[in-house]
N, C-alpha and C. Protein backbone atom coordinates (compact mmCIF):
# COMPACT_ATOMS: atom_id res chain seq x y z
N MET A 1 2.73 4.16 -21.12
CA MET A 1 2.79 2.77 -20.27
C MET A 1 3.07 3.46 -18.63
N THR A 2 2.68 2.67 -17.75
CA THR A 2 2.48 2.81 -16.51
C THR A 2 3.53 2.74 -15.39
N TYR A 3 4.12 1.65 -15.65
CA TYR A 3 5.58 1.38 -14.64
C TYR A 3 6.53 2.55 -14.89
N PRO A 4 6.83 2.59 -16.27
CA PRO A 4 8.00 3.63 -16.63
C PRO A 4 7.77 5.13 -16.38
N HIS A 5 6.58 5.06 -16.15
CA HIS A 5 5.89 6.63 -15.94
C HIS A 5 6.99 7.12 -14.69
N PRO A 6 7.63 8.39 -14.67
CA PRO A 6 8.63 8.75 -13.92
C PRO A 6 8.09 9.07 -12.53
N GLU A 7 6.95 9.45 -12.21
CA GLU A 7 6.36 9.27 -10.94
C GLU A 7 5.88 7.99 -10.39
N VAL A 8 5.42 7.37 -11.15
CA VAL A 8 5.07 5.83 -10.81
C VAL A 8 6.16 5.09 -10.25
N ALA A 9 7.51 5.23 -11.39
CA ALA A 9 8.90 4.76 -11.12
C ALA A 9 9.10 5.27 -10.01
N ALA A 10 9.53 6.35 -9.44
CA ALA A 10 10.10 7.13 -8.44
C ALA A 10 9.38 6.54 -6.88
N GLU A 11 8.01 6.32 -7.26
CA GLU A 11 7.44 5.75 -5.96
C GLU A 11 7.43 4.59 -5.82
N LEU A 12 7.66 4.01 -6.48
CA LEU A 12 7.77 1.94 -6.60
C LEU A 12 9.20 2.37 -6.13
N GLU A 13 10.15 3.09 -6.18
CA GLU A 13 11.60 2.80 -5.60
C GLU A 13 11.61 3.23 -4.54
N ALA A 14 10.83 4.42 -4.20
CA ALA A 14 11.11 5.13 -2.94
C ALA A 14 10.76 3.89 -1.97
N HIS A 15 9.29 3.36 -1.99
CA HIS A 15 8.45 2.50 -0.87
C HIS A 15 8.22 1.56 -0.96
N PHE A 16 8.49 0.60 -2.50
CA PHE A 16 8.10 -0.99 -2.49
C PHE A 16 9.13 -1.46 -3.00
N VAL A 17 8.94 -2.71 -2.59
CA VAL A 17 9.85 -3.92 -3.21
C VAL A 17 9.19 -4.57 -4.08
N CYS A 18 9.52 -4.63 -5.51
CA CYS A 18 8.66 -5.06 -6.60
C CYS A 18 8.90 -6.64 -6.86
N ALA A 19 8.36 -7.26 -6.95
CA ALA A 19 8.49 -8.64 -7.76
C ALA A 19 7.23 -9.07 -8.72
N ARG A 20 7.96 -9.46 -9.94
CA ARG A 20 7.13 -9.84 -10.76
C ARG A 20 7.11 -11.34 -11.19
N VAL A 21 5.87 -11.88 -11.30
CA VAL A 21 5.50 -13.37 -11.49
C VAL A 21 4.98 -13.52 -12.95
N ASP A 22 5.76 -14.51 -13.60
CA ASP A 22 5.48 -15.01 -14.85
C ASP A 22 4.49 -15.87 -14.88
N ILE A 23 3.08 -15.70 -14.76
CA ILE A 23 1.95 -16.93 -14.69
C ILE A 23 2.12 -18.22 -15.40
N THR A 24 2.65 -17.95 -16.65
CA THR A 24 2.99 -19.11 -17.62
C THR A 24 4.04 -19.75 -17.29
N ALA A 25 5.03 -19.42 -16.67
CA ALA A 25 6.59 -19.97 -16.10
C ALA A 25 6.36 -20.55 -15.10
N ASP A 26 5.57 -20.01 -13.97
CA ASP A 26 5.49 -20.25 -12.92
C ASP A 26 3.90 -20.35 -12.31
N ARG A 27 3.54 -21.62 -12.36
CA ARG A 27 2.02 -21.47 -12.03
C ARG A 27 1.87 -22.03 -10.24
N ARG A 28 2.88 -22.67 -9.82
CA ARG A 28 3.05 -22.69 -8.53
C ARG A 28 2.83 -21.11 -7.68
N ALA A 29 3.77 -20.41 -8.27
CA ALA A 29 3.71 -19.05 -7.40
C ALA A 29 2.28 -18.29 -7.66
N ALA A 30 1.71 -18.52 -8.85
CA ALA A 30 0.57 -18.07 -9.23
C ALA A 30 -0.64 -18.51 -8.31
N ARG A 31 -0.52 -19.94 -8.14
CA ARG A 31 -1.56 -20.25 -7.14
C ARG A 31 -1.65 -19.95 -5.74
N GLU A 32 0.02 -19.96 -5.45
CA GLU A 32 0.03 -19.47 -3.80
C GLU A 32 0.10 -17.99 -3.62
N ALA A 33 -0.21 -17.14 -4.82
CA ALA A 33 -0.53 -15.60 -4.43
C ALA A 33 -1.88 -15.55 -4.68
N ARG A 34 -2.81 -16.47 -5.11
CA ARG A 34 -4.25 -16.47 -5.28
C ARG A 34 -4.35 -15.81 -6.58
N LEU A 35 -3.76 -15.44 -7.58
CA LEU A 35 -3.85 -14.55 -8.89
C LEU A 35 -5.10 -14.93 -9.53
N LEU A 36 -5.69 -13.90 -9.47
CA LEU A 36 -7.08 -14.11 -10.08
C LEU A 36 -7.25 -13.99 -11.80
N TRP A 37 -6.42 -12.55 -11.96
CA TRP A 37 -6.27 -12.31 -13.52
C TRP A 37 -5.17 -11.50 -13.83
N THR A 38 -4.91 -10.85 -14.98
CA THR A 38 -3.70 -10.42 -15.13
C THR A 38 -4.21 -9.02 -16.03
N PRO A 39 -3.63 -7.79 -15.94
CA PRO A 39 -2.51 -7.63 -14.87
C PRO A 39 -3.26 -7.52 -12.98
N TRP A 40 -2.35 -7.92 -12.51
CA TRP A 40 -2.75 -7.92 -11.25
C TRP A 40 -1.84 -7.70 -10.17
N LEU A 41 -2.05 -6.54 -9.39
CA LEU A 41 -1.21 -6.47 -8.30
C LEU A 41 -1.72 -6.58 -7.06
N ALA A 42 -0.63 -7.05 -6.10
CA ALA A 42 -0.96 -7.51 -4.83
C ALA A 42 0.07 -6.80 -4.05
N PHE A 43 -0.45 -6.02 -2.89
CA PHE A 43 0.51 -5.30 -1.91
C PHE A 43 0.47 -6.26 -0.77
N TRP A 44 1.82 -6.38 0.20
CA TRP A 44 1.83 -6.81 1.71
C TRP A 44 2.68 -6.30 2.49
N SER A 45 2.24 -6.29 3.52
CA SER A 45 3.18 -5.47 4.63
C SER A 45 4.34 -6.06 4.54
N ARG A 46 5.38 -5.60 5.45
CA ARG A 46 6.75 -6.35 5.48
C ARG A 46 6.79 -7.83 6.12
N HIS A 47 5.38 -7.69 6.92
CA HIS A 47 5.31 -8.75 8.05
C HIS A 47 4.26 -9.93 7.25
N GLN A 48 4.17 -9.72 5.86
CA GLN A 48 3.37 -10.56 5.04
C GLN A 48 1.55 -10.74 5.22
N VAL A 49 1.25 -9.41 5.62
CA VAL A 49 -0.04 -9.14 5.60
C VAL A 49 -0.64 -8.57 4.08
N ARG A 50 -1.72 -9.17 3.66
CA ARG A 50 -2.00 -8.69 2.65
C ARG A 50 -3.01 -6.94 2.98
N LEU A 51 -2.40 -6.28 1.96
CA LEU A 51 -2.90 -4.79 2.36
C LEU A 51 -4.10 -4.48 1.45
N ARG A 52 -3.45 -4.94 -0.06
CA ARG A 52 -4.47 -4.67 -0.62
C ARG A 52 -4.58 -5.53 -2.18
N GLU A 53 -5.53 -5.63 -3.28
CA GLU A 53 -5.36 -6.14 -4.66
C GLU A 53 -5.80 -5.29 -5.61
N VAL A 54 -5.37 -5.25 -6.50
CA VAL A 54 -5.67 -4.02 -7.90
C VAL A 54 -5.61 -5.09 -9.08
N VAL A 55 -6.87 -5.43 -9.40
CA VAL A 55 -6.88 -6.14 -10.58
C VAL A 55 -7.58 -5.24 -12.00
N GLY A 56 -6.56 -5.45 -12.74
CA GLY A 56 -7.00 -4.90 -14.12
C GLY A 56 -5.97 -3.73 -14.63
N PHE A 57 -6.04 -2.96 -15.44
CA PHE A 57 -4.99 -2.33 -15.73
C PHE A 57 -5.46 -0.76 -15.46
N LEU A 58 -4.20 0.02 -14.72
CA LEU A 58 -4.31 1.03 -14.26
C LEU A 58 -3.69 2.18 -14.54
N PRO A 59 -4.12 3.56 -15.33
CA PRO A 59 -3.10 4.69 -15.70
C PRO A 59 -1.93 5.06 -14.78
N PRO A 60 -1.26 5.81 -15.14
CA PRO A 60 -0.09 6.44 -14.02
C PRO A 60 -0.79 6.95 -13.17
N ASP A 61 -1.95 8.06 -13.14
CA ASP A 61 -2.58 8.95 -12.13
C ASP A 61 -3.28 7.87 -11.09
N GLY A 62 -3.96 6.97 -11.65
CA GLY A 62 -4.61 5.76 -10.91
C GLY A 62 -3.77 4.98 -10.27
N LEU A 63 -2.50 4.49 -10.67
CA LEU A 63 -1.75 3.80 -9.88
C LEU A 63 -1.03 4.59 -8.74
N LEU A 64 -0.72 5.84 -9.25
CA LEU A 64 0.06 6.61 -7.91
C LEU A 64 -0.90 6.80 -6.84
N TRP A 65 -2.14 6.90 -7.30
CA TRP A 65 -3.07 7.18 -5.81
C TRP A 65 -3.34 5.48 -5.15
N GLU A 66 -3.23 4.53 -5.96
CA GLU A 66 -3.31 3.36 -5.27
C GLU A 66 -2.16 3.28 -4.60
N LEU A 67 -0.94 3.62 -5.00
CA LEU A 67 0.18 3.42 -4.34
C LEU A 67 0.48 4.04 -2.73
N ARG A 68 -0.42 5.36 -2.98
CA ARG A 68 -0.48 6.05 -1.63
C ARG A 68 -1.76 5.58 -0.81
N LEU A 69 -2.48 4.95 -1.10
CA LEU A 69 -3.30 4.42 -0.17
C LEU A 69 -2.77 3.18 0.42
N VAL A 70 -2.05 2.76 -0.33
CA VAL A 70 -1.61 1.07 -0.03
C VAL A 70 -0.38 1.71 1.33
N ARG A 71 0.22 2.79 0.95
CA ARG A 71 1.04 3.12 1.98
C ARG A 71 0.25 3.72 3.42
N ALA A 72 -0.80 4.21 3.09
CA ALA A 72 -1.31 4.67 4.25
C ALA A 72 -1.95 3.51 4.85
N LEU A 73 -2.36 2.45 4.28
CA LEU A 73 -2.82 1.04 5.27
C LEU A 73 -1.31 0.35 5.58
N ASP A 74 -0.33 0.60 5.16
CA ASP A 74 0.61 0.19 5.57
C ASP A 74 1.00 0.81 7.00
N ALA A 75 1.23 2.15 6.88
CA ALA A 75 1.53 3.22 8.09
C ALA A 75 0.54 2.82 9.14
N LEU A 76 -0.88 2.63 8.94
CA LEU A 76 -1.75 2.56 10.07
C LEU A 76 -1.37 1.03 10.59
N ARG A 77 -1.24 0.05 9.77
CA ARG A 77 -1.00 -1.27 10.47
C ARG A 77 0.45 -1.34 11.36
N ARG A 78 1.33 -0.09 11.29
CA ARG A 78 2.38 -0.16 12.05
C ARG A 78 2.35 0.81 12.86
N ALA A 79 1.07 1.64 13.46
CA ALA A 79 0.86 2.21 14.16
C ALA A 79 1.56 3.74 13.91
N GLU A 80 1.64 4.00 13.09
CA GLU A 80 2.22 5.45 12.56
C GLU A 80 1.17 6.12 12.13
N TYR A 81 0.56 6.61 13.06
CA TYR A 81 -0.69 7.18 12.83
C TYR A 81 -0.76 8.61 11.98
N ALA A 82 0.41 9.42 12.53
CA ALA A 82 0.22 10.86 11.61
C ALA A 82 0.85 10.44 10.15
N GLU A 83 1.69 9.51 9.86
CA GLU A 83 1.76 9.29 8.64
C GLU A 83 0.44 8.71 7.72
N ALA A 84 -0.03 8.08 8.60
CA ALA A 84 -1.24 7.12 7.88
C ALA A 84 -2.21 8.30 7.55
N SER A 85 -2.62 9.25 8.45
CA SER A 85 -3.41 10.23 8.23
C SER A 85 -3.23 11.30 7.20
N ALA A 86 -1.98 11.53 7.14
CA ALA A 86 -1.51 12.33 6.23
C ALA A 86 -1.44 12.00 4.64
N LEU A 87 -1.26 10.49 4.55
CA LEU A 87 -1.41 9.90 3.60
C LEU A 87 -2.93 9.53 2.88
N PHE A 88 -4.03 9.30 3.71
CA PHE A 88 -5.06 8.96 3.63
C PHE A 88 -5.57 10.32 3.07
N GLY A 89 -5.17 11.56 4.03
CA GLY A 89 -5.80 13.16 3.38
C GLY A 89 -5.41 13.16 2.26
N GLN A 90 -4.23 12.86 1.64
CA GLN A 90 -3.93 13.12 0.17
C GLN A 90 -4.98 12.36 -0.53
N VAL A 91 -5.06 11.19 -0.25
CA VAL A 91 -6.29 10.40 -1.14
C VAL A 91 -7.49 10.99 -1.27
N VAL A 92 -8.01 11.59 -0.14
CA VAL A 92 -9.21 12.01 0.08
C VAL A 92 -9.24 13.21 -0.59
N GLU A 93 -8.24 14.04 -0.72
CA GLU A 93 -8.23 15.27 -1.14
C GLU A 93 -7.98 15.64 -2.56
N ALA A 94 -7.37 14.53 -3.54
CA ALA A 94 -7.29 14.29 -4.96
C ALA A 94 -8.53 14.07 -5.42
N GLU A 95 -8.51 14.74 -6.24
CA GLU A 95 -9.40 14.89 -7.50
C GLU A 95 -9.18 13.08 -8.35
N PRO A 96 -8.23 13.45 -8.80
CA PRO A 96 -7.95 11.86 -9.68
C PRO A 96 -8.17 10.41 -8.76
N ALA A 97 -7.99 10.94 -7.24
CA ALA A 97 -8.36 9.80 -6.74
C ALA A 97 -9.81 9.50 -6.08
N ARG A 98 -10.65 10.09 -6.78
CA ARG A 98 -12.16 9.97 -6.30
C ARG A 98 -12.72 8.85 -5.92
N GLU A 99 -12.29 7.91 -6.80
CA GLU A 99 -12.89 6.30 -6.51
C GLU A 99 -12.39 5.77 -5.21
N LEU A 100 -11.09 6.12 -4.67
CA LEU A 100 -10.57 5.73 -3.58
C LEU A 100 -10.80 6.55 -2.36
N ARG A 101 -11.61 7.84 -2.63
CA ARG A 101 -11.93 8.34 -1.80
C ARG A 101 -12.88 7.75 -0.45
N PRO A 102 -13.70 6.98 -0.43
CA PRO A 102 -14.30 6.39 0.52
C PRO A 102 -13.70 5.53 1.46
N GLU A 103 -12.89 4.77 0.87
CA GLU A 103 -11.94 3.97 1.50
C GLU A 103 -11.08 4.88 2.31
N ALA A 104 -10.49 5.77 1.73
CA ALA A 104 -9.27 6.54 2.37
C ALA A 104 -10.09 7.25 3.49
N ALA A 105 -11.29 7.66 3.57
CA ALA A 105 -11.83 8.32 4.65
C ALA A 105 -12.31 7.64 5.73
């Protein structure tokens, strides 16, 4: 399972505020979030700027690199260029993140 994976859980706890929406119980929230399909992850900055969406299941390694890319995008928006550059660099160099490399570069 992806979310209980120790590295994923640690990354989420350290850097994200998580919310879960049950689209069968809260259709309004699903509409407001513009939910397309499940599983669906949406990442917003603390200023409610949508940073990225991921639709579909991700294994733990895939989610870890998505989370690092989101952190880099957030750092870039906050003008924390050294942090953004370091995180983008990690994504570019990581073999498991090869699908994210063009965006991170």
